Amino acid sequence: MQTGAITGYIDVAQLVLYAFWIFFAGLIYYLHRENKREGYPLESDRSHAIKVQGWPAVPSPKTYKLANGETVQAPNARRDSQPPVHEGAYRGSPFQPEGDPLLAGVGPGSWANRADVPDMTYEGLPRIVPLRTASGFGVAPQDVDPRGLPVQGDDGVEGGRVVDLWVDRSEMLFRYLELKVADGRHVLLPMNFARVLHHRIVVKSILGEQFIRVPGTRHAEQVTLLEEEKIMAYYGAGTLYATPQRQEPLL
């Protein structure tokens, strides 16, 4: 027999190959099972008593230690707290948000139930803060300083004016514009929804009169992860629900 052969039909290379196949199959099973620590079991649209988890089943809870010293278990029984969609929907029927569709938490306005605490930098400071509290940051002289500029919705109506910018101290970029709207509140506008021109700022996703209903923040100089989700979802929902025409087919 040749070097490495165990019998006339089996050698070490075959055993190593079979061991790799078994290991790889086990790795796929493990990763697929660990992937179900969040979002599972799924909720059935036939009955709330049915738990959809597929194969393999949802793993047993594991405790994770967070950077701030707190702990969290996954999976857990926590449910999302989005407003309800209309009752009596049949399987496959389109979602019809109740109340204000921009706040319904469905479709492009969906949001995740993240922790209601600010995102922090490595040094333990709030990551996203207004320029008025962030020393060492400013607007580049060759760029347009949007402070004081009017903000218009897709209908050309002014919905507010920029009073400050919010900077991400970890990524070194601006995340939000802070607006003062008609009722005197200050709300945030994500930069990716804003088109900054020389004399105005245009937002295509919502209308001018809808800025007044943008979700606010508890603190004037901090924004939590959950608040960011709801703010971003509001502008995202406007891409479909800002006007009735946006919900109609293109053709």
C-alpha atoms as a PDB file:
ATOM      1  CA  MET A   1       0.000   0.000   0.000  1.00  0.00           C
ATOM      2  CA  GLN A   2       1.080   3.561  -0.652  1.00  0.00           C
ATOM      3  CA  THR A   3       2.126   6.044   2.029  1.00  0.00           C
ATOM      4  CA  GLY A   4      -0.889   7.222   4.049  1.00  0.00           C
ATOM      5  CA  ALA A   5      -3.091   4.297   3.092  1.00  0.00           C
ATOM      6  CA  ILE A   6      -5.030   2.611   5.883  1.00  0.00           C
ATOM      7  CA  THR A   7      -6.611  -0.109   3.783  1.00  0.00           C
ATOM      8  CA  GLY A   8      -6.742  -0.757   0.085  1.00  0.00           C
ATOM      9  CA  TYR A   9      -9.736   1.572  -0.226  1.00  0.00           C
ATOM     10  CA  ILE A  10      -9.285   4.136   2.588  1.00  0.00           C
ATOM     11  CA  ASP A  11      -6.398   6.521   3.197  1.00  0.00           C
ATOM     12  CA  VAL A  12      -5.663   9.480   5.477  1.00  0.00           C
ATOM     13  CA  ALA A  13      -6.627  12.060   2.822  1.00  0.00           C
ATOM     14  CA  GLN A  14     -10.139  10.572   2.601  1.00  0.00           C
ATOM     15  CA  LEU A  15     -10.598  10.675   6.354  1.00  0.00           C
ATOM     16  CA  VAL A  16      -9.427  14.286   6.492  1.00  0.00           C
ATOM     17  CA  LEU A  17     -11.870  15.190   3.703  1.00  0.00           C
ATOM     18  CA  TYR A  18     -14.767  13.456   5.471  1.00  0.00           C
ATOM     19  CA  ALA A  19     -13.857  15.144   8.746  1.00  0.00           C
ATOM     20  CA  PHE A  20     -13.876  18.524   6.993  1.00  0.00           C
ATOM     21  CA  TRP A  21     -17.325  17.818   5.516  1.00  0.00           C
ATOM     22  CA  ILE A  22     -18.689  16.898   8.935  1.00  0.00           C
ATOM     23  CA  PHE A  23     -17.110  19.982  10.526  1.00  0.00           C
ATOM     24  CA  PHE A  24     -18.456  22.258   7.801  1.00  0.00           C
ATOM     25  CA  ALA A  25     -21.975  20.824   8.077  1.00  0.00           C
ATOM     26  CA  GLY A  26     -21.847  21.350  11.834  1.00  0.00           C
ATOM     27  CA  LEU A  27     -20.629  24.935  11.331  1.00  0.00           C
ATOM     28  CA  ILE A  28     -23.528  25.698   8.977  1.00  0.00           C
ATOM     29  CA  TYR A  29     -26.002  24.236  11.495  1.00  0.00           C
ATOM     30  CA  TYR A  30     -24.467  26.266  14.345  1.00  0.00           C
ATOM     31  CA  LEU A  31     -24.421  29.558  12.435  1.00  0.00           C
ATOM     32  CA  HIS A  32     -27.957  29.091  11.145  1.00  0.00           C
ATOM     33  CA  ARG A  33     -29.167  28.381  14.682  1.00  0.00           C
ATOM     34  CA  GLU A  34     -27.283  31.357  16.161  1.00  0.00           C
ATOM     35  CA  ASN A  35     -28.794  33.556  13.450  1.00  0.00           C
ATOM     36  CA  LYS A  36     -32.185  33.015  15.113  1.00  0.00           C
ATOM     37  CA  ARG A  37     -31.286  34.769  18.350  1.00  0.00           C
ATOM     38  CA  GLU A  38     -33.046  37.920  17.115  1.00  0.00           C
ATOM     39  CA  GLY A  39     -36.322  38.106  15.222  1.00  0.00           C
ATOM     40  CA  TYR A  40     -37.465  34.587  16.097  1.00  0.00           C
ATOM     41  CA  PRO A  41     -39.834  32.910  16.557  1.00  0.00           C
ATOM     42  CA  LEU A  42     -41.776  34.587  13.774  1.00  0.00           C
ATOM     43  CA  GLU A  43     -45.412  35.533  14.299  1.00  0.00           C
ATOM     44  CA  SER A  44     -47.948  33.668  12.191  1.00  0.00           C
ATOM     45  CA  ASP A  45     -50.600  35.670  10.375  1.00  0.00           C
ATOM     46  CA  ARG A  46     -53.025  32.785  11.013  1.00  0.00           C
ATOM     47  CA  SER A  47     -52.882  32.757  14.807  1.00  0.00           C
ATOM     48  CA  HIS A  48     -50.866  34.418  17.581  1.00  0.00           C
ATOM     49  CA  ALA A  49     -50.581  30.992  19.213  1.00  0.00           C
ATOM     50  CA  ILE A  50     -48.458  29.659  16.349  1.00  0.00           C
ATOM     51  CA  LYS A  51     -44.715  30.112  16.654  1.00  0.00           C
ATOM     52  CA  VAL A  52     -42.795  29.895  13.398  1.00  0.00           C
ATOM     53  CA  GLN A  53     -39.168  28.976  13.988  1.00  0.00           C
ATOM     54  CA  GLY A  54     -38.269  26.536  11.231  1.00  0.00           C
ATOM     55  CA  TRP A  55     -35.331  24.149  11.459  1.00  0.00           C
ATOM     56  CA  PRO A  56     -33.168  24.215  13.447  1.00  0.00           C
ATOM     57  CA  ALA A  57     -35.198  25.513  16.384  1.00  0.00           C
ATOM     58  CA  VAL A  58     -34.505  28.795  18.171  1.00  0.00           C
ATOM     59  CA  PRO A  59     -31.513  28.355  20.531  1.00  0.00           C
ATOM     60  CA  SER A  60     -31.793  28.650  24.289  1.00  0.00           C
ATOM     61  CA  PRO A  61     -31.244  32.151  25.742  1.00  0.00           C
ATOM     62  CA  LYS A  62     -27.691  33.370  26.163  1.00  0.00           C
ATOM     63  CA  THR A  63     -26.604  36.330  28.301  1.00  0.00           C
ATOM     64  CA  TYR A  64     -24.389  38.990  26.707  1.00  0.00           C
ATOM     65  CA  LYS A  65     -22.484  41.665  28.596  1.00  0.00           C
ATOM     66  CA  LEU A  66     -22.650  45.142  27.056  1.00  0.00           C
ATOM     67  CA  ALA A  67     -19.896  47.749  27.042  1.00  0.00           C
ATOM     68  CA  ASN A  68     -21.675  49.805  29.722  1.00  0.00           C
ATOM     69  CA  GLY A  69     -21.754  46.869  32.124  1.00  0.00           C
ATOM     70  CA  GLU A  70     -25.390  45.943  31.563  1.00  0.00           C
ATOM     71  CA  THR A  71     -26.499  42.532  30.339  1.00  0.00           C
ATOM     72  CA  VAL A  72     -29.052  41.446  27.756  1.00  0.00           C
ATOM     73  CA  GLN A  73     -30.465  38.053  26.880  1.00  0.00           C
ATOM     74  CA  ALA A  74     -31.116  36.758  23.398  1.00  0.00           C
ATOM     75  CA  PRO A  75     -33.463  35.395  22.317  1.00  0.00           C
ATOM     76  CA  ASN A  76     -36.045  37.085  24.520  1.00  0.00           C
ATOM     77  CA  ALA A  77     -39.786  37.637  24.563  1.00  0.00           C
ATOM     78  CA  ARG A  78     -39.589  41.368  23.889  1.00  0.00           C
ATOM     79  CA  ARG A  79     -42.011  42.500  21.219  1.00  0.00           C
ATOM     80  CA  ASP A  80     -41.745  45.519  18.964  1.00  0.00           C
ATOM     81  CA  SER A  81     -43.961  48.415  19.946  1.00  0.00           C
ATOM     82  CA  GLN A  82     -44.940  49.813  16.552  1.00  0.00           C
ATOM     83  CA  PRO A  83     -48.517  51.123  16.284  1.00  0.00           C
ATOM     84  CA  PRO A  84     -51.014  48.456  15.123  1.00  0.00           C
ATOM     85  CA  VAL A  85     -51.955  47.911  11.505  1.00  0.00           C
ATOM     86  CA  HIS A  86     -55.668  47.623  10.660  1.00  0.00           C
ATOM     87  CA  GLU A  87     -57.489  44.603  12.068  1.00  0.00           C
ATOM     88  CA  GLY A  88     -59.210  42.018   9.898  1.00  0.00           C
ATOM     89  CA  ALA A  89     -56.517  41.841   7.242  1.00  0.00           C
ATOM     90  CA  TYR A  90     -56.452  38.578   5.335  1.00  0.00           C
ATOM     91  CA  ARG A  91     -53.306  36.743   4.326  1.00  0.00           C
ATOM     92  CA  GLY A  92     -51.527  38.608   1.568  1.00  0.00           C
ATOM     93  CA  SER A  93     -53.539  41.797   1.936  1.00  0.00           C
ATOM     94  CA  PRO A  94     -51.613  45.101   1.812  1.00  0.00           C
ATOM     95  CA  PHE A  95     -50.928  46.903   5.074  1.00  0.00           C
ATOM     96  CA  GLN A  96     -53.226  49.848   5.685  1.00  0.00           C
ATOM     97  CA  PRO A  97     -51.732  52.000   8.493  1.00  0.00           C
ATOM     98  CA  GLU A  98     -54.117  53.399  11.080  1.00  0.00           C
ATOM     99  CA  GLY A  99     -53.877  57.091  11.915  1.00  0.00           C
ATOM    100  CA  ASP A 100     -50.894  59.023  10.577  1.00  0.00           C
ATOM    101  CA  PRO A 101     -49.186  56.719   8.041  1.00  0.00           C
ATOM    102  CA  LEU A 102     -45.864  58.498   8.568  1.00  0.00           C
ATOM    103  CA  LEU A 103     -45.889  57.264  12.177  1.00  0.00           C
ATOM    104  CA  ALA A 104     -47.359  53.806  11.561  1.00  0.00           C
ATOM    105  CA  GLY A 105     -44.036  51.947  11.547  1.00  0.00           C
ATOM    106  CA  VAL A 106     -44.756  49.897   8.416  1.00  0.00           C
ATOM    107  CA  GLY A 107     -43.228  49.657   4.960  1.00  0.00           C
ATOM    108  CA  PRO A 108     -40.506  52.264   4.357  1.00  0.00           C
ATOM    109  CA  GLY A 109     -41.393  53.720   7.763  1.00  0.00           C
ATOM    110  CA  SER A 110     -40.489  50.585   9.699  1.00  0.00           C
ATOM    111  CA  TRP A 111     -38.178  50.954  12.671  1.00  0.00           C
ATOM    112  CA  ALA A 112     -36.393  48.587  15.039  1.00  0.00           C
ATOM    113  CA  ASN A 113     -36.997  48.645  18.771  1.00  0.00           C
ATOM    114  CA  ARG A 114     -33.420  49.629  19.665  1.00  0.00           C
ATOM    115  CA  ALA A 115     -32.165  50.681  23.080  1.00  0.00           C
ATOM    116  CA  ASP A 116     -33.446  54.063  24.231  1.00  0.00           C
ATOM    117  CA  VAL A 117     -29.937  55.303  25.088  1.00  0.00           C
ATOM    118  CA  PRO A 118     -27.456  57.451  23.139  1.00  0.00           C
ATOM    119  CA  ASP A 119     -24.777  55.820  21.038  1.00  0.00           C
ATOM    120  CA  MET A 120     -21.415  56.405  22.716  1.00  0.00           C
ATOM    121  CA  THR A 121     -17.864  56.980  21.512  1.00  0.00           C
ATOM    122  CA  TYR A 122     -14.929  54.826  22.573  1.00  0.00           C
ATOM    123  CA  GLU A 123     -14.179  57.440  25.237  1.00  0.00           C
ATOM    124  CA  GLY A 124     -17.700  57.105  26.689  1.00  0.00           C
ATOM    125  CA  LEU A 125     -19.103  60.392  25.338  1.00  0.00           C
ATOM    126  CA  PRO A 126     -22.338  60.824  23.332  1.00  0.00           C
ATOM    127  CA  ARG A 127     -21.429  60.114  19.739  1.00  0.00           C
ATOM    128  CA  ILE A 128     -23.866  62.418  17.920  1.00  0.00           C
ATOM    129  CA  VAL A 129     -24.152  65.944  19.334  1.00  0.00           C
ATOM    130  CA  PRO A 130     -24.924  69.455  18.031  1.00  0.00           C
ATOM    131  CA  LEU A 131     -22.042  71.657  16.911  1.00  0.00           C
ATOM    132  CA  ARG A 132     -22.735  74.075  19.764  1.00  0.00           C
ATOM    133  CA  THR A 133     -21.480  71.433  22.197  1.00  0.00           C
ATOM    134  CA  ALA A 134     -18.753  69.873  20.033  1.00  0.00           C
ATOM    135  CA  SER A 135     -15.573  71.890  20.307  1.00  0.00           C
ATOM    136  CA  GLY A 136     -13.107  71.383  17.492  1.00  0.00           C
ATOM    137  CA  PHE A 137     -15.747  70.736  14.818  1.00  0.00           C
ATOM    138  CA  GLY A 138     -17.142  73.141  12.244  1.00  0.00           C
ATOM    139  CA  VAL A 139     -18.296  73.609   8.660  1.00  0.00           C
ATOM    140  CA  ALA A 140     -15.526  73.690   6.053  1.00  0.00           C
ATOM    141  CA  PRO A 141     -15.165  77.208   4.564  1.00  0.00           C
ATOM    142  CA  GLN A 142     -15.578  75.909   1.006  1.00  0.00           C
ATOM    143  CA  ASP A 143     -18.939  74.284   1.848  1.00  0.00           C
ATOM    144  CA  VAL A 144     -22.357  75.849   2.344  1.00  0.00           C
ATOM    145  CA  ASP A 145     -23.134  76.562   5.994  1.00  0.00           C
ATOM    146  CA  PRO A 146     -26.826  75.575   6.215  1.00  0.00           C
ATOM    147  CA  ARG A 147     -27.504  77.333   9.512  1.00  0.00           C
ATOM    148  CA  GLY A 148     -30.244  79.894   9.001  1.00  0.00           C
ATOM    149  CA  LEU A 149     -31.400  78.468   5.668  1.00  0.00           C
ATOM    150  CA  PRO A 150     -35.085  77.586   5.077  1.00  0.00           C
ATOM    151  CA  VAL A 151     -36.031  73.937   4.652  1.00  0.00           C
ATOM    152  CA  GLN A 152     -38.666  73.167   2.025  1.00  0.00           C
ATOM    153  CA  GLY A 153     -40.693  70.014   1.499  1.00  0.00           C
ATOM    154  CA  ASP A 154     -41.407  68.407  -1.843  1.00  0.00           C
ATOM    155  CA  ASP A 155     -44.272  70.847  -2.396  1.00  0.00           C
ATOM    156  CA  GLY A 156     -41.972  73.876  -2.050  1.00  0.00           C
ATOM    157  CA  VAL A 157     -43.542  74.928   1.259  1.00  0.00           C
ATOM    158  CA  GLU A 158     -41.158  75.960   4.018  1.00  0.00           C
ATOM    159  CA  GLY A 159     -41.338  73.575   6.955  1.00  0.00           C
ATOM    160  CA  GLY A 160     -38.653  75.054   9.184  1.00  0.00           C
ATOM    161  CA  ARG A 161     -35.247  76.671   9.405  1.00  0.00           C
ATOM    162  CA  VAL A 162     -31.874  75.204  10.254  1.00  0.00           C
ATOM    163  CA  VAL A 163     -30.544  76.260  13.643  1.00  0.00           C
ATOM    164  CA  ASP A 164     -27.634  73.844  14.019  1.00  0.00           C
ATOM    165  CA  LEU A 165     -25.871  70.761  12.675  1.00  0.00           C
ATOM    166  CA  TRP A 166     -25.319  67.511  14.577  1.00  0.00           C
ATOM    167  CA  VAL A 167     -21.924  65.893  14.128  1.00  0.00           C
ATOM    168  CA  ASP A 168     -20.862  62.277  14.523  1.00  0.00           C
ATOM    169  CA  ARG A 169     -17.700  62.554  16.595  1.00  0.00           C
ATOM    170  CA  SER A 170     -16.576  59.023  15.729  1.00  0.00           C
ATOM    171  CA  GLU A 171     -17.046  59.181  11.954  1.00  0.00           C
ATOM    172  CA  MET A 172     -16.206  62.906  11.607  1.00  0.00           C
ATOM    173  CA  LEU A 173     -19.272  63.805   9.534  1.00  0.00           C
ATOM    174  CA  PHE A 174     -22.611  65.543   9.918  1.00  0.00           C
ATOM    175  CA  ARG A 175     -25.562  63.237  10.615  1.00  0.00           C
ATOM    176  CA  TYR A 176     -28.458  65.637  11.129  1.00  0.00           C
ATOM    177  CA  LEU A 177     -29.665  69.177  10.618  1.00  0.00           C
ATOM    178  CA  GLU A 178     -31.532  70.651  13.576  1.00  0.00           C
ATOM    179  CA  LEU A 179     -34.648  72.518  12.479  1.00  0.00           C
ATOM    180  CA  LYS A 180     -36.986  74.913  14.227  1.00  0.00           C
ATOM    181  CA  VAL A 181     -40.492  74.164  12.947  1.00  0.00           C
ATOM    182  CA  ALA A 182     -43.726  76.162  13.002  1.00  0.00           C
ATOM    183  CA  ASP A 183     -44.776  75.299  16.557  1.00  0.00           C
ATOM    184  CA  GLY A 184     -41.376  76.243  17.986  1.00  0.00           C
ATOM    185  CA  ARG A 185     -40.157  72.688  18.452  1.00  0.00           C
ATOM    186  CA  HIS A 186     -36.688  71.612  17.376  1.00  0.00           C
ATOM    187  CA  VAL A 187     -36.560  68.434  15.275  1.00  0.00           C
ATOM    188  CA  LEU A 188     -33.821  66.591  13.408  1.00  0.00           C
ATOM    189  CA  LEU A 189     -33.475  66.095   9.669  1.00  0.00           C
ATOM    190  CA  PRO A 190     -31.143  63.256   8.547  1.00  0.00           C
ATOM    191  CA  MET A 191     -28.521  64.528   6.126  1.00  0.00           C
ATOM    192  CA  ASN A 192     -29.230  61.737   3.636  1.00  0.00           C
ATOM    193  CA  PHE A 193     -32.761  63.124   3.154  1.00  0.00           C
ATOM    194  CA  ALA A 194     -31.582  66.719   2.672  1.00  0.00           C
ATOM    195  CA  ARG A 195     -30.322  68.395  -0.484  1.00  0.00           C
ATOM    196  CA  VAL A 196     -28.289  71.429   0.572  1.00  0.00           C
ATOM    197  CA  LEU A 197     -28.392  74.273  -1.935  1.00  0.00           C
ATOM    198  CA  HIS A 198     -26.889  77.753  -1.599  1.00  0.00           C
ATOM    199  CA  HIS A 199     -30.052  79.504  -0.428  1.00  0.00           C
ATOM    200  CA  ARG A 200     -32.327  76.686   0.738  1.00  0.00           C
ATOM    201  CA  ILE A 201     -32.544  73.034   1.662  1.00  0.00           C
ATOM    202  CA  VAL A 202     -34.914  70.706  -0.164  1.00  0.00           C
ATOM    203  CA  VAL A 203     -36.413  67.511   1.266  1.00  0.00           C
ATOM    204  CA  LYS A 204     -38.206  65.335  -1.290  1.00  0.00           C
ATOM    205  CA  SER A 205     -39.566  62.690   1.077  1.00  0.00           C
ATOM    206  CA  ILE A 206     -42.162  64.795   2.955  1.00  0.00           C
ATOM    207  CA  LEU A 207     -44.211  67.963   2.486  1.00  0.00           C
ATOM    208  CA  GLY A 208     -43.661  71.312   4.179  1.00  0.00           C
ATOM    209  CA  GLU A 209     -46.575  70.973   6.620  1.00  0.00           C
ATOM    210  CA  GLN A 210     -45.386  67.498   7.719  1.00  0.00           C
ATOM    211  CA  PHE A 211     -42.182  68.709   9.396  1.00  0.00           C
ATOM    212  CA  ILE A 212     -44.201  69.702  12.441  1.00  0.00           C
ATOM    213  CA  ARG A 213     -44.908  66.015  13.224  1.00  0.00           C
ATOM    214  CA  VAL A 214     -41.337  64.725  13.069  1.00  0.00           C
ATOM    215  CA  PRO A 215     -40.621  62.738  16.273  1.00  0.00           C
ATOM    216  CA  GLY A 216     -38.558  64.752  18.730  1.00  0.00           C
ATOM    217  CA  THR A 217     -35.840  63.947  21.251  1.00  0.00           C
ATOM    218  CA  ARG A 218     -36.095  63.899  25.044  1.00  0.00           C
ATOM    219  CA  HIS A 219     -32.912  65.916  25.456  1.00  0.00           C
ATOM    220  CA  ALA A 220     -31.990  69.021  23.493  1.00  0.00           C
ATOM    221  CA  GLU A 221     -28.392  67.912  22.943  1.00  0.00           C
ATOM    222  CA  GLN A 222     -28.652  64.114  22.739  1.00  0.00           C
ATOM    223  CA  VAL A 223     -30.424  61.592  20.539  1.00  0.00           C
ATOM    224  CA  THR A 224     -30.942  57.954  21.501  1.00  0.00           C
ATOM    225  CA  LEU A 225     -30.713  54.932  19.230  1.00  0.00           C
ATOM    226  CA  LEU A 226     -34.486  54.443  19.412  1.00  0.00           C
ATOM    227  CA  GLU A 227     -35.142  58.113  18.644  1.00  0.00           C
ATOM    228  CA  GLU A 228     -32.850  57.872  15.624  1.00  0.00           C
ATOM    229  CA  GLU A 229     -34.853  54.889  14.366  1.00  0.00           C
ATOM    230  CA  LYS A 230     -38.168  56.741  14.657  1.00  0.00           C
ATOM    231  CA  ILE A 231     -36.841  59.947  13.105  1.00  0.00           C
ATOM    232  CA  MET A 232     -35.330  58.122  10.131  1.00  0.00           C
ATOM    233  CA  ALA A 233     -38.496  56.045   9.752  1.00  0.00           C
ATOM    234  CA  TYR A 234     -40.681  59.172   9.591  1.00  0.00           C
ATOM    235  CA  TYR A 235     -38.812  60.559   6.596  1.00  0.00           C
ATOM    236  CA  GLY A 236     -38.614  57.098   5.041  1.00  0.00           C
ATOM    237  CA  ALA A 237     -42.375  56.648   5.360  1.00  0.00           C
ATOM    238  CA  GLY A 238     -42.876  59.914   3.508  1.00  0.00           C
ATOM    239  CA  THR A 239     -41.398  58.398   0.350  1.00  0.00           C
ATOM    240  CA  LEU A 240     -44.593  56.310   0.114  1.00  0.00           C
ATOM    241  CA  TYR A 241     -47.192  57.925   2.357  1.00  0.00           C
ATOM    242  CA  ALA A 242     -46.549  61.684   2.111  1.00  0.00           C
ATOM    243  CA  THR A 243     -49.220  62.007  -0.577  1.00  0.00           C
ATOM    244  CA  PRO A 244     -51.963  59.605  -1.736  1.00  0.00           C
ATOM    245  CA  GLN A 245     -50.505  59.684  -5.258  1.00  0.00           C
ATOM    246  CA  ARG A 246     -47.270  58.065  -4.070  1.00  0.00           C
ATOM    247  CA  GLN A 247     -49.200  54.934  -3.109  1.00  0.00           C
ATOM    248  CA  GLU A 248     -50.631  54.489  -6.592  1.00  0.00           C
ATOM    249  CA  PRO A 249     -48.988  52.403  -9.352  1.00  0.00           C
ATOM    250  CA  LEU A 250     -46.616  54.157 -11.725  1.00  0.00           C
ATOM    251  CA  LEU A 251     -48.429  52.878 -14.806  1.00  0.00           C
END
